[in-house]
Amino acid sequence: MTRTEIIPPEQPQLCRWHACPDSAALNAAAADFILAAAARAIAARGEFNVVLAGGTTPRAVYASLRETHTAWPAWQVYFGDERCVPANHPMRNSLMARAALFEHVPVPRTQFHVIPAERGARRAAAEYAALLEHVPLFDLVMLGLGEDGHTASLFPGADQGAAPDSPAVLPVSAAPKQPRERVTLGARRLSAARQALFLVAGAAKREAVRRWRAGVNIPAAGITPAAGVDVMLDAALLA
């Protein structure tokens, strides 16, 4: 069972907070949310365009989806960001998602759209932006939250890609954590979604959540799809 509340209306980002009592409840609620989004998209348009997040909490959610029922061949899988390391490096978000879920379900490999970050940030950003041109609106964007308020590889103090003329995909050359070189979808592109789901767990995220709820302009607050965002998180982070 989760508890939902709406952030006050003066907050520029409409944000629904779903408090989960433990990690098992968070995983189950997130899996149900994803499957419902997939079912709606496939019924309406014949495919499900989903953007995946990296991180420990999403990994557990992906693993929990292995035995569930959905029209896997209709999934088109994209990524919100990637680290510029070799394609087989354990730090790759795409490698994590493949191991956790996509090696176990029948999503065609041609529909698993990896950011080619091993080619360098600038080239990979340009190539991925070209790929995304045929997807004007994602069905679901999944995101995490860093201790500093970052999401995807949009870090405080850096270009968030929020302006109307910002590139869809940004090269990152000076991330505050290793590896320094990354590729990320910008805030404008991540906001072009029918739904957005943040997954947040761990006591270390408490201050970032507090600042977010207080209206501080952290990067996570820059994701502003028309329908708002849903945040599933440990109940203790709202205390």
Protein backbone atom coordinates (compact mmCIF):
# COMPACT_ATOMS: atom_id res chain seq x y z
CA MET A 1 0.00 0.00 0.00
CA THR A 2 1.35 3.42 -0.91
CA ARG A 3 0.35 6.88 0.26
CA THR A 4 -0.06 9.64 -2.34
CA GLU A 5 -0.01 13.39 -1.88
CA ILE A 6 0.18 16.34 -4.25
CA ILE A 7 2.90 18.95 -3.92
CA PRO A 8 1.48 22.45 -3.33
CA PRO A 9 0.12 24.19 -6.46
CA GLU A 10 2.70 26.98 -6.39
CA GLN A 11 5.36 24.43 -7.29
CA PRO A 12 6.01 24.83 -11.06
CA GLN A 13 6.32 21.07 -11.45
CA LEU A 14 3.18 19.05 -10.69
CA CYS A 15 4.50 16.26 -8.49
CA ARG A 16 2.66 13.29 -6.99
CA TRP A 17 4.49 11.64 -4.08
CA HIS A 18 3.84 7.93 -3.50
CA ALA A 19 5.22 6.83 -0.14
CA CYS A 20 6.15 3.13 0.01
CA PRO A 21 6.74 1.41 3.38
CA ASP A 22 9.65 -0.72 2.16
CA SER A 23 11.65 -1.70 -0.92
CA ALA A 24 9.36 -4.62 -1.76
CA ALA A 25 6.34 -2.30 -1.85
CA LEU A 26 8.24 0.23 -3.96
CA ASN A 27 9.29 -2.45 -6.45
CA ALA A 28 5.75 -3.80 -6.72
CA ALA A 29 4.16 -0.38 -7.11
CA ALA A 30 6.69 0.67 -9.74
CA ALA A 31 6.24 -2.57 -11.70
CA ASP A 32 2.46 -2.11 -11.69
CA PHE A 33 2.86 1.51 -12.85
CA ILE A 34 5.15 0.50 -15.74
CA LEU A 35 2.91 -2.36 -16.87
CA ALA A 36 -0.17 -0.13 -16.80
CA ALA A 37 1.65 2.53 -18.87
CA ALA A 38 2.72 -0.16 -21.35
CA ALA A 39 -0.81 -1.54 -21.65
CA ARG A 40 -2.28 1.90 -22.33
CA ALA A 41 0.33 2.77 -24.94
CA ILE A 42 0.11 -0.54 -26.77
CA ALA A 43 -3.69 -0.43 -26.84
CA ALA A 44 -3.67 3.14 -28.17
CA ARG A 45 -0.68 3.17 -30.53
CA GLY A 46 0.63 -0.37 -30.92
CA GLU A 47 3.96 0.23 -29.16
CA PHE A 48 5.41 1.36 -25.85
CA ASN A 49 8.22 3.93 -25.99
CA VAL A 50 9.94 3.85 -22.61
CA VAL A 51 13.06 5.63 -21.34
CA LEU A 52 14.98 3.71 -18.69
CA ALA A 53 17.04 4.97 -15.76
CA GLY A 54 20.20 3.49 -14.32
CA GLY A 55 20.85 2.81 -10.66
CA THR A 56 20.27 0.22 -7.94
CA THR A 57 16.57 0.95 -7.36
CA PRO A 58 15.60 0.70 -11.05
CA ARG A 59 17.65 -2.50 -11.34
CA ALA A 60 15.49 -4.18 -8.71
CA VAL A 61 12.33 -2.99 -10.45
CA TYR A 62 13.54 -4.29 -13.82
CA ALA A 63 14.31 -7.67 -12.29
CA SER A 64 10.82 -7.81 -10.79
CA LEU A 65 9.32 -7.45 -14.28
CA ARG A 66 10.87 -10.67 -15.60
CA GLU A 67 7.90 -12.90 -14.74
CA THR A 68 5.15 -10.41 -15.53
CA HIS A 69 2.86 -10.39 -18.54
CA THR A 70 3.05 -7.66 -21.16
CA ALA A 71 3.36 -7.47 -24.94
CA TRP A 72 7.17 -7.40 -24.87
CA PRO A 73 7.60 -7.34 -28.68
CA ALA A 74 5.81 -3.96 -28.71
CA TRP A 75 8.36 -2.32 -26.37
CA GLN A 76 10.77 0.30 -27.77
CA VAL A 77 13.45 0.85 -25.13
CA TYR A 78 15.56 4.01 -24.79
CA PHE A 79 17.90 5.40 -22.11
CA GLY A 80 17.95 8.71 -20.27
CA ASP A 81 21.72 8.81 -19.98
CA GLU A 82 24.89 6.79 -20.33
CA ARG A 83 28.49 6.86 -19.17
CA CYS A 84 31.23 7.12 -21.79
CA VAL A 85 32.91 3.81 -21.08
CA PRO A 86 33.31 0.72 -23.30
CA ALA A 87 30.10 -0.99 -24.39
CA ASN A 88 30.79 -4.02 -22.17
CA HIS A 89 31.80 -2.00 -19.10
CA PRO A 90 29.84 -2.86 -15.90
CA MET A 91 29.07 0.85 -15.35
CA ARG A 92 26.91 0.97 -18.49
CA ASN A 93 23.20 1.53 -17.80
CA SER A 94 22.29 -0.45 -20.89
CA LEU A 95 24.32 -3.44 -19.72
CA MET A 96 22.61 -3.35 -16.33
CA ALA A 97 19.13 -3.19 -17.86
CA ARG A 98 19.93 -6.02 -20.25
CA ALA A 99 21.20 -8.28 -17.46
CA ALA A 100 18.36 -7.43 -15.09
CA LEU A 101 15.50 -7.80 -17.56
CA PHE A 102 16.01 -7.75 -21.30
CA GLU A 103 18.05 -10.94 -21.57
CA HIS A 104 14.99 -12.68 -20.09
CA VAL A 105 12.11 -11.28 -22.15
CA PRO A 106 11.36 -11.22 -25.91
CA VAL A 107 12.02 -7.57 -26.73
CA PRO A 108 13.71 -7.61 -30.17
CA ARG A 109 17.30 -6.44 -29.98
CA THR A 110 16.58 -3.90 -32.71
CA GLN A 111 14.12 -2.26 -30.29
CA PHE A 112 16.70 -1.93 -27.50
CA HIS A 113 18.17 1.47 -28.37
CA VAL A 114 21.53 1.87 -26.63
CA ILE A 115 23.31 5.24 -26.45
CA PRO A 116 26.62 4.64 -28.30
CA ALA A 117 28.58 6.42 -25.57
CA GLU A 118 31.75 4.43 -26.27
CA ARG A 119 32.14 6.69 -29.34
CA GLY A 120 32.60 9.79 -27.21
CA ALA A 121 30.06 12.19 -25.75
CA ARG A 122 29.65 14.58 -28.69
CA ARG A 123 29.32 11.97 -31.40
CA ALA A 124 27.03 9.78 -29.28
CA ALA A 125 24.80 12.72 -28.38
CA ALA A 126 24.38 13.68 -32.04
CA GLU A 127 23.63 10.10 -33.10
CA TYR A 128 21.12 9.50 -30.34
CA ALA A 129 19.37 12.80 -31.02
CA ALA A 130 18.93 11.73 -34.64
CA LEU A 131 17.47 8.41 -33.48
CA LEU A 132 14.96 10.18 -31.23
CA GLU A 133 13.63 12.44 -33.97
CA HIS A 134 10.98 9.86 -34.86
CA VAL A 135 9.70 9.69 -31.24
CA PRO A 136 8.05 13.06 -30.55
CA LEU A 137 6.55 11.93 -27.25
CA PHE A 138 7.71 9.12 -24.96
CA ASP A 139 5.04 7.04 -23.26
CA LEU A 140 7.02 6.76 -20.02
CA VAL A 141 10.26 8.29 -18.80
CA MET A 142 11.86 6.64 -15.77
CA LEU A 143 14.32 8.64 -13.66
CA GLY A 144 16.27 8.52 -10.43
CA LEU A 145 17.46 11.16 -7.99
CA GLY A 146 21.03 11.78 -6.89
CA GLU A 147 22.09 13.04 -3.48
CA ASP A 148 22.83 16.42 -5.08
CA GLY A 149 19.45 16.56 -6.80
CA HIS A 150 20.68 15.45 -10.21
CA THR A 151 18.64 13.23 -12.49
CA ALA A 152 19.86 11.33 -15.54
CA SER A 153 23.23 13.10 -16.05
CA LEU A 154 21.79 16.58 -15.49
CA PHE A 155 23.90 17.94 -12.64
CA PRO A 156 23.50 21.16 -10.63
CA GLY A 157 25.27 24.12 -12.21
CA ALA A 158 25.42 22.56 -15.68
CA ASP A 159 23.30 23.10 -18.78
CA GLN A 160 20.00 21.32 -18.17
CA GLY A 161 18.86 21.39 -21.77
CA ALA A 162 15.59 23.06 -20.76
CA ALA A 163 15.44 25.91 -23.29
CA PRO A 164 13.04 25.54 -26.23
CA ASP A 165 15.97 25.41 -28.66
CA SER A 166 18.16 23.10 -26.55
CA PRO A 167 19.46 19.93 -28.20
CA ALA A 168 17.50 16.81 -27.31
CA VAL A 169 20.68 15.05 -26.17
CA LEU A 170 23.60 16.72 -24.44
CA PRO A 171 27.27 15.74 -24.23
CA VAL A 172 28.62 16.01 -20.68
CA SER A 173 32.37 16.52 -20.28
CA ALA A 174 32.74 17.51 -16.63
CA ALA A 175 30.38 15.45 -14.49
CA PRO A 176 31.12 15.86 -10.76
CA LYS A 177 31.56 12.10 -10.40
CA GLN A 178 33.40 9.52 -12.45
CA PRO A 179 33.30 8.95 -15.30
CA ARG A 180 33.36 12.64 -16.14
CA GLU A 181 32.28 12.15 -19.74
CA ARG A 182 28.63 11.18 -20.28
CA VAL A 183 25.66 11.56 -22.58
CA THR A 184 22.23 12.64 -21.31
CA LEU A 185 18.82 13.56 -22.61
CA GLY A 186 18.09 17.18 -21.71
CA ALA A 187 15.25 18.34 -19.48
CA ARG A 188 13.18 19.50 -22.45
CA ARG A 189 13.42 16.10 -24.14
CA LEU A 190 12.79 14.15 -20.93
CA SER A 191 9.69 16.29 -20.36
CA ALA A 192 8.27 15.29 -23.74
CA ALA A 193 6.46 12.35 -22.19
CA ARG A 194 2.97 11.17 -21.40
CA GLN A 195 4.17 10.02 -17.97
CA ALA A 196 7.34 10.38 -15.90
CA LEU A 197 8.23 8.17 -12.95
CA PHE A 198 10.98 8.88 -10.42
CA LEU A 199 12.24 6.04 -8.21
CA VAL A 200 13.95 7.21 -5.01
CA ALA A 201 15.29 5.04 -2.20
CA GLY A 202 17.92 5.30 0.53
CA ALA A 203 18.49 7.62 3.47
CA ALA A 204 21.21 9.50 1.56
CA LYS A 205 18.49 11.02 -0.65
CA ARG A 206 16.66 12.68 2.28
CA GLU A 207 18.17 16.16 1.82
CA ALA A 208 17.62 16.12 -1.94
CA VAL A 209 13.97 15.17 -1.41
CA ARG A 210 13.56 17.91 1.22
CA ARG A 211 14.97 20.54 -1.14
CA TRP A 212 12.85 19.29 -4.03
CA ARG A 213 9.65 19.45 -1.95
CA ALA A 214 10.62 22.90 -0.69
CA GLY A 215 10.65 24.22 -4.24
CA VAL A 216 14.43 24.45 -4.72
CA ASN A 217 15.31 24.38 -8.42
CA ILE A 218 17.28 21.14 -8.41
CA PRO A 219 17.68 19.36 -11.77
CA ALA A 220 14.93 16.84 -10.94
CA ALA A 221 12.46 19.72 -10.63
CA GLY A 222 13.15 20.65 -14.26
CA ILE A 223 11.33 17.60 -15.62
CA THR A 224 7.92 19.04 -16.39
CA PRO A 225 5.67 16.91 -18.61
CA ALA A 226 2.16 18.29 -19.00
CA ALA A 227 0.69 15.49 -16.88
CA GLY A 228 3.17 16.04 -14.05
CA VAL A 229 5.51 13.47 -12.54
CA ASP A 230 5.03 10.58 -10.14
CA VAL A 231 7.65 9.94 -7.46
CA MET A 232 7.76 6.55 -5.73
CA LEU A 233 10.00 6.68 -2.69
CA ASP A 234 10.73 5.34 0.77
CA ALA A 235 8.11 6.63 3.19
CA ALA A 236 10.89 7.59 5.61
CA LEU A 237 12.13 10.21 3.12
CA LEU A 238 8.91 12.18 3.61
CA ALA A 239 9.14 12.20 7.41
